Amino acid sequence: MHEKITERQLLIEVLSRLEERQLLGLIEEMGRDQPLGQALLYFLEKENKGIGWMKKTLGMSELKQLLKEELAVTQGYRKEFYKELIYFVDRAQKTDAQVYNEIGMNRTLWYRLRDNKSARTNKRNVLKMAIILHLDYWEMYYLVNLAGYSLLPGDERTDRIVAFCVRHGIYEKERVDELLIEAKEKPLFSED
């Protein structure tokens, strides 16, 4: 006869199998300020688990071996920002010119990104790209990271507002700017 499993036990078991980054991503996707995100955070704190609850103490030799394995798997594997950007541009059925004009980027910088792997653009341009190309939250997170930045919706108000817009399917430039201005942040697409 099978032991009856409660929903609480099932939830604890599922959460215990998530890596910290997956758990943080889940909380961000739900929205820390939204009822589901708050409920998950409350549940984790109530269970005295908090963030990082699934970590176990590893010895130095175990850590070195894990690092060696991870480096071996990822060696030579680095997606280029521009190649990923072009994938999103093509998927949105836009031309390069449409995108760089919509975000207000200089044509020269656009082609420098294409031709020079070490060339970078600023984070605001990447956030604009996410809006123009209608990326979902995870695609935006990915593109921001490939550009060499961190998406910090918990700390940076502009990041939080843009993430909110993306999660709620708000891709109209004017609406995004209006929400930024309302929060006393610098708009992305229009002059302040």
C-alpha atoms as a PDB file:
ATOM      1  CA  MET A   1       0.000   0.000   0.000  1.00  0.00           C
ATOM      2  CA  HIS A   2       1.337   3.434  -0.987  1.00  0.00           C
ATOM      3  CA  GLU A   3       2.036   6.084   1.594  1.00  0.00           C
ATOM      4  CA  LYS A   4      -0.147   9.146   1.074  1.00  0.00           C
ATOM      5  CA  ILE A   5       1.961  12.096  -0.071  1.00  0.00           C
ATOM      6  CA  THR A   6       0.708  15.559   0.845  1.00  0.00           C
ATOM      7  CA  GLU A   7       0.962  18.520  -1.515  1.00  0.00           C
ATOM      8  CA  ARG A   8       3.350  20.117   0.968  1.00  0.00           C
ATOM      9  CA  GLN A   9       5.673  17.076   0.872  1.00  0.00           C
ATOM     10  CA  LEU A  10       5.530  17.088  -2.925  1.00  0.00           C
ATOM     11  CA  LEU A  11       6.379  20.799  -3.076  1.00  0.00           C
ATOM     12  CA  ILE A  12       9.298  20.351  -0.667  1.00  0.00           C
ATOM     13  CA  GLU A  13      10.604  17.435  -2.741  1.00  0.00           C
ATOM     14  CA  VAL A  14      10.346  19.360  -6.030  1.00  0.00           C
ATOM     15  CA  LEU A  15      11.979  22.494  -4.598  1.00  0.00           C
ATOM     16  CA  SER A  16      14.793  20.463  -3.052  1.00  0.00           C
ATOM     17  CA  ARG A  17      15.762  19.258  -6.535  1.00  0.00           C
ATOM     18  CA  LEU A  18      16.121  22.766  -7.978  1.00  0.00           C
ATOM     19  CA  GLU A  19      19.460  24.478  -8.222  1.00  0.00           C
ATOM     20  CA  GLU A  20      19.695  27.897  -6.600  1.00  0.00           C
ATOM     21  CA  ARG A  21      19.724  29.715  -9.951  1.00  0.00           C
ATOM     22  CA  GLN A  22      16.597  27.819 -11.024  1.00  0.00           C
ATOM     23  CA  LEU A  23      14.849  28.701  -7.790  1.00  0.00           C
ATOM     24  CA  LEU A  24      15.820  32.372  -8.082  1.00  0.00           C
ATOM     25  CA  GLY A  25      14.689  32.364 -11.700  1.00  0.00           C
ATOM     26  CA  LEU A  26      11.355  30.866 -10.705  1.00  0.00           C
ATOM     27  CA  ILE A  27      10.857  33.530  -8.054  1.00  0.00           C
ATOM     28  CA  GLU A  28      11.788  36.288 -10.531  1.00  0.00           C
ATOM     29  CA  GLU A  29       9.482  34.844 -13.187  1.00  0.00           C
ATOM     30  CA  MET A  30       6.594  34.805 -10.715  1.00  0.00           C
ATOM     31  CA  GLY A  31       7.588  38.279  -9.572  1.00  0.00           C
ATOM     32  CA  ARG A  32       8.957  38.886  -6.094  1.00  0.00           C
ATOM     33  CA  ASP A  33       6.234  41.483  -5.521  1.00  0.00           C
ATOM     34  CA  GLN A  34       3.464  39.297  -6.945  1.00  0.00           C
ATOM     35  CA  PRO A  35       1.336  36.964  -4.797  1.00  0.00           C
ATOM     36  CA  LEU A  36       2.891  33.740  -6.183  1.00  0.00           C
ATOM     37  CA  GLY A  37       6.465  34.969  -5.759  1.00  0.00           C
ATOM     38  CA  GLN A  38       5.757  36.200  -2.244  1.00  0.00           C
ATOM     39  CA  ALA A  39       4.043  32.908  -1.361  1.00  0.00           C
ATOM     40  CA  LEU A  40       7.062  30.919  -2.575  1.00  0.00           C
ATOM     41  CA  LEU A  41       9.487  33.110  -0.629  1.00  0.00           C
ATOM     42  CA  TYR A  42       7.295  32.820   2.488  1.00  0.00           C
ATOM     43  CA  PHE A  43       7.111  29.046   2.083  1.00  0.00           C
ATOM     44  CA  LEU A  44      10.897  28.749   1.782  1.00  0.00           C
ATOM     45  CA  GLU A  45      11.478  30.943   4.830  1.00  0.00           C
ATOM     46  CA  LYS A  46       8.823  29.053   6.821  1.00  0.00           C
ATOM     47  CA  GLU A  47      10.592  25.808   6.004  1.00  0.00           C
ATOM     48  CA  ASN A  48      13.818  27.451   7.299  1.00  0.00           C
ATOM     49  CA  LYS A  49      15.338  26.857   3.943  1.00  0.00           C
ATOM     50  CA  GLY A  50      15.629  30.336   2.422  1.00  0.00           C
ATOM     51  CA  ILE A  51      17.722  30.857  -0.677  1.00  0.00           C
ATOM     52  CA  GLY A  52      20.716  28.571  -0.726  1.00  0.00           C
ATOM     53  CA  TRP A  53      18.925  25.933   1.381  1.00  0.00           C
ATOM     54  CA  MET A  54      19.896  23.106  -0.915  1.00  0.00           C
ATOM     55  CA  LYS A  55      23.608  23.820  -0.684  1.00  0.00           C
ATOM     56  CA  LYS A  56      25.741  21.291   1.057  1.00  0.00           C
ATOM     57  CA  THR A  57      29.246  21.751   2.322  1.00  0.00           C
ATOM     58  CA  LEU A  58      31.791  20.344  -0.083  1.00  0.00           C
ATOM     59  CA  GLY A  59      35.437  19.681   0.565  1.00  0.00           C
ATOM     60  CA  MET A  60      38.076  21.504  -1.475  1.00  0.00           C
ATOM     61  CA  SER A  61      38.899  18.410  -3.544  1.00  0.00           C
ATOM     62  CA  GLU A  62      35.194  17.986  -4.417  1.00  0.00           C
ATOM     63  CA  LEU A  63      34.927  21.662  -5.350  1.00  0.00           C
ATOM     64  CA  LYS A  64      38.026  21.439  -7.557  1.00  0.00           C
ATOM     65  CA  GLN A  65      36.645  18.368  -9.321  1.00  0.00           C
ATOM     66  CA  LEU A  66      33.243  20.013  -9.897  1.00  0.00           C
ATOM     67  CA  LEU A  67      34.938  23.132 -11.259  1.00  0.00           C
ATOM     68  CA  LYS A  68      37.178  21.058 -13.523  1.00  0.00           C
ATOM     69  CA  GLU A  69      34.149  19.205 -14.930  1.00  0.00           C
ATOM     70  CA  GLU A  70      32.201  22.399 -15.469  1.00  0.00           C
ATOM     71  CA  LEU A  71      35.118  24.094 -17.223  1.00  0.00           C
ATOM     72  CA  ALA A  72      35.639  21.053 -19.460  1.00  0.00           C
ATOM     73  CA  VAL A  73      31.987  21.065 -20.499  1.00  0.00           C
ATOM     74  CA  THR A  74      31.925  24.777 -21.279  1.00  0.00           C
ATOM     75  CA  GLN A  75      35.396  25.119 -22.818  1.00  0.00           C
ATOM     76  CA  GLY A  76      35.174  26.786 -26.207  1.00  0.00           C
ATOM     77  CA  TYR A  77      31.444  27.264 -25.787  1.00  0.00           C
ATOM     78  CA  ARG A  78      30.585  30.919 -25.765  1.00  0.00           C
ATOM     79  CA  LYS A  79      27.756  32.239 -27.796  1.00  0.00           C
ATOM     80  CA  GLU A  80      28.470  35.546 -29.394  1.00  0.00           C
ATOM     81  CA  PHE A  81      26.195  38.443 -28.520  1.00  0.00           C
ATOM     82  CA  TYR A  82      25.754  39.583 -32.110  1.00  0.00           C
ATOM     83  CA  LYS A  83      24.913  36.096 -33.429  1.00  0.00           C
ATOM     84  CA  GLU A  84      22.242  35.651 -30.793  1.00  0.00           C
ATOM     85  CA  LEU A  85      20.953  39.162 -31.419  1.00  0.00           C
ATOM     86  CA  ILE A  86      20.620  38.437 -35.139  1.00  0.00           C
ATOM     87  CA  TYR A  87      18.693  35.261 -34.339  1.00  0.00           C
ATOM     88  CA  PHE A  88      16.165  37.387 -32.402  1.00  0.00           C
ATOM     89  CA  VAL A  89      16.114  40.039 -35.170  1.00  0.00           C
ATOM     90  CA  ASP A  90      15.379  37.384 -37.807  1.00  0.00           C
ATOM     91  CA  ARG A  91      12.722  35.770 -35.644  1.00  0.00           C
ATOM     92  CA  ALA A  92      11.014  39.165 -35.250  1.00  0.00           C
ATOM     93  CA  GLN A  93      11.158  39.514 -39.052  1.00  0.00           C
ATOM     94  CA  LYS A  94      12.953  42.839 -38.840  1.00  0.00           C
ATOM     95  CA  THR A  95      15.987  44.159 -40.634  1.00  0.00           C
ATOM     96  CA  ASP A  96      19.171  45.315 -38.939  1.00  0.00           C
ATOM     97  CA  ALA A  97      18.336  48.890 -39.934  1.00  0.00           C
ATOM     98  CA  GLN A  98      14.852  48.706 -38.413  1.00  0.00           C
ATOM     99  CA  VAL A  99      16.257  47.553 -35.098  1.00  0.00           C
ATOM    100  CA  TYR A 100      19.183  49.946 -34.782  1.00  0.00           C
ATOM    101  CA  ASN A 101      16.984  52.864 -35.868  1.00  0.00           C
ATOM    102  CA  GLU A 102      14.216  51.932 -33.394  1.00  0.00           C
ATOM    103  CA  ILE A 103      16.644  51.792 -30.494  1.00  0.00           C
ATOM    104  CA  GLY A 104      18.475  54.913 -31.619  1.00  0.00           C
ATOM    105  CA  MET A 105      21.789  53.145 -32.099  1.00  0.00           C
ATOM    106  CA  ASN A 106      24.448  54.420 -34.434  1.00  0.00           C
ATOM    107  CA  ARG A 107      24.809  52.262 -37.564  1.00  0.00           C
ATOM    108  CA  THR A 108      28.573  52.215 -37.064  1.00  0.00           C
ATOM    109  CA  LEU A 109      28.210  50.750 -33.566  1.00  0.00           C
ATOM    110  CA  TRP A 110      25.772  48.109 -34.867  1.00  0.00           C
ATOM    111  CA  TYR A 111      28.280  46.915 -37.435  1.00  0.00           C
ATOM    112  CA  ARG A 112      31.146  47.129 -34.947  1.00  0.00           C
ATOM    113  CA  LEU A 113      29.161  44.685 -32.778  1.00  0.00           C
ATOM    114  CA  ARG A 114      28.897  42.416 -35.795  1.00  0.00           C
ATOM    115  CA  ASP A 115      32.531  42.584 -36.858  1.00  0.00           C
ATOM    116  CA  ASN A 116      34.346  42.792 -33.517  1.00  0.00           C
ATOM    117  CA  LYS A 117      33.595  40.078 -30.930  1.00  0.00           C
ATOM    118  CA  SER A 118      34.936  42.252 -28.119  1.00  0.00           C
ATOM    119  CA  ALA A 119      32.802  45.295 -29.034  1.00  0.00           C
ATOM    120  CA  ARG A 120      30.071  46.128 -26.532  1.00  0.00           C
ATOM    121  CA  THR A 121      27.016  48.290 -26.322  1.00  0.00           C
ATOM    122  CA  ASN A 122      25.499  49.754 -23.196  1.00  0.00           C
ATOM    123  CA  LYS A 123      22.925  47.957 -21.102  1.00  0.00           C
ATOM    124  CA  ARG A 124      20.170  50.444 -21.983  1.00  0.00           C
ATOM    125  CA  ASN A 125      20.549  49.504 -25.658  1.00  0.00           C
ATOM    126  CA  VAL A 126      20.178  45.824 -24.788  1.00  0.00           C
ATOM    127  CA  LEU A 127      17.027  46.565 -22.759  1.00  0.00           C
ATOM    128  CA  LYS A 128      15.667  48.492 -25.749  1.00  0.00           C
ATOM    129  CA  MET A 129      16.449  45.495 -27.970  1.00  0.00           C
ATOM    130  CA  ALA A 130      14.417  43.277 -25.640  1.00  0.00           C
ATOM    131  CA  ILE A 131      11.405  45.556 -26.049  1.00  0.00           C
ATOM    132  CA  ILE A 132      11.773  46.079 -29.812  1.00  0.00           C
ATOM    133  CA  LEU A 133      12.263  42.350 -30.481  1.00  0.00           C
ATOM    134  CA  HIS A 134       9.469  41.260 -28.103  1.00  0.00           C
ATOM    135  CA  LEU A 135      11.737  38.957 -26.114  1.00  0.00           C
ATOM    136  CA  ASP A 136      10.348  36.995 -23.210  1.00  0.00           C
ATOM    137  CA  TYR A 137      11.871  37.372 -19.750  1.00  0.00           C
ATOM    138  CA  TRP A 138      14.401  34.556 -20.122  1.00  0.00           C
ATOM    139  CA  GLU A 139      15.489  35.686 -23.593  1.00  0.00           C
ATOM    140  CA  MET A 140      16.017  39.216 -22.264  1.00  0.00           C
ATOM    141  CA  TYR A 141      17.961  37.852 -19.283  1.00  0.00           C
ATOM    142  CA  TYR A 142      20.097  35.759 -21.666  1.00  0.00           C
ATOM    143  CA  LEU A 143      20.818  38.633 -24.075  1.00  0.00           C
ATOM    144  CA  VAL A 144      21.701  41.046 -21.248  1.00  0.00           C
ATOM    145  CA  ASN A 145      24.138  38.484 -19.862  1.00  0.00           C
ATOM    146  CA  LEU A 146      25.691  37.796 -23.274  1.00  0.00           C
ATOM    147  CA  ALA A 147      26.270  41.552 -23.596  1.00  0.00           C
ATOM    148  CA  GLY A 148      28.309  41.394 -20.392  1.00  0.00           C
ATOM    149  CA  TYR A 149      25.779  42.837 -17.946  1.00  0.00           C
ATOM    150  CA  SER A 150      23.568  41.542 -15.188  1.00  0.00           C
ATOM    151  CA  LEU A 151      19.824  41.893 -15.116  1.00  0.00           C
ATOM    152  CA  LEU A 152      19.029  43.041 -11.599  1.00  0.00           C
ATOM    153  CA  PRO A 153      15.262  43.417 -11.246  1.00  0.00           C
ATOM    154  CA  GLY A 154      15.636  43.268  -7.482  1.00  0.00           C
ATOM    155  CA  ASP A 155      18.119  46.154  -7.288  1.00  0.00           C
ATOM    156  CA  GLU A 156      17.880  48.321 -10.407  1.00  0.00           C
ATOM    157  CA  ARG A 157      14.544  50.111 -10.833  1.00  0.00           C
ATOM    158  CA  THR A 158      14.921  50.402 -14.600  1.00  0.00           C
ATOM    159  CA  ASP A 159      15.658  46.663 -14.822  1.00  0.00           C
ATOM    160  CA  ARG A 160      12.643  45.927 -12.644  1.00  0.00           C
ATOM    161  CA  ILE A 161      10.328  48.068 -14.763  1.00  0.00           C
ATOM    162  CA  VAL A 162      11.554  46.650 -18.079  1.00  0.00           C
ATOM    163  CA  ALA A 163      11.296  43.101 -16.669  1.00  0.00           C
ATOM    164  CA  PHE A 164       7.749  43.900 -15.535  1.00  0.00           C
ATOM    165  CA  CYS A 165       6.871  45.136 -19.024  1.00  0.00           C
ATOM    166  CA  VAL A 166       8.340  42.065 -20.698  1.00  0.00           C
ATOM    167  CA  ARG A 167       6.607  39.667 -18.280  1.00  0.00           C
ATOM    168  CA  HIS A 168       3.286  41.403 -18.975  1.00  0.00           C
ATOM    169  CA  GLY A 169       3.736  41.680 -22.757  1.00  0.00           C
ATOM    170  CA  ILE A 170       4.087  45.471 -22.791  1.00  0.00           C
ATOM    171  CA  TYR A 171       6.242  46.168 -25.839  1.00  0.00           C
ATOM    172  CA  GLU A 172       4.966  49.588 -26.928  1.00  0.00           C
ATOM    173  CA  LYS A 173       7.849  52.037 -26.547  1.00  0.00           C
ATOM    174  CA  GLU A 174       5.592  54.857 -25.346  1.00  0.00           C
ATOM    175  CA  ARG A 175       4.003  52.721 -22.608  1.00  0.00           C
ATOM    176  CA  VAL A 176       7.403  51.485 -21.407  1.00  0.00           C
ATOM    177  CA  ASP A 177       8.705  55.057 -21.238  1.00  0.00           C
ATOM    178  CA  GLU A 178       5.546  56.242 -19.480  1.00  0.00           C
ATOM    179  CA  LEU A 179       6.007  53.592 -16.785  1.00  0.00           C
ATOM    180  CA  LEU A 180       9.674  54.535 -16.387  1.00  0.00           C
ATOM    181  CA  ILE A 181       8.870  58.241 -16.100  1.00  0.00           C
ATOM    182  CA  GLU A 182       6.082  57.517 -13.608  1.00  0.00           C
ATOM    183  CA  ALA A 183       8.679  55.726 -11.455  1.00  0.00           C
ATOM    184  CA  LYS A 184      11.017  58.724 -11.818  1.00  0.00           C
ATOM    185  CA  GLU A 185      13.450  56.782 -14.003  1.00  0.00           C
ATOM    186  CA  LYS A 186      15.027  57.939 -17.252  1.00  0.00           C
ATOM    187  CA  PRO A 187      12.965  56.787 -20.267  1.00  0.00           C
ATOM    188  CA  LEU A 188      14.551  54.354 -22.712  1.00  0.00           C
ATOM    189  CA  PHE A 189      13.168  55.604 -25.998  1.00  0.00           C
ATOM    190  CA  SER A 190      12.261  59.285 -25.599  1.00  0.00           C
ATOM    191  CA  GLU A 191      13.964  62.324 -24.187  1.00  0.00           C
ATOM    192  CA  ASP A 192      13.333  62.975 -20.504  1.00  0.00           C
END
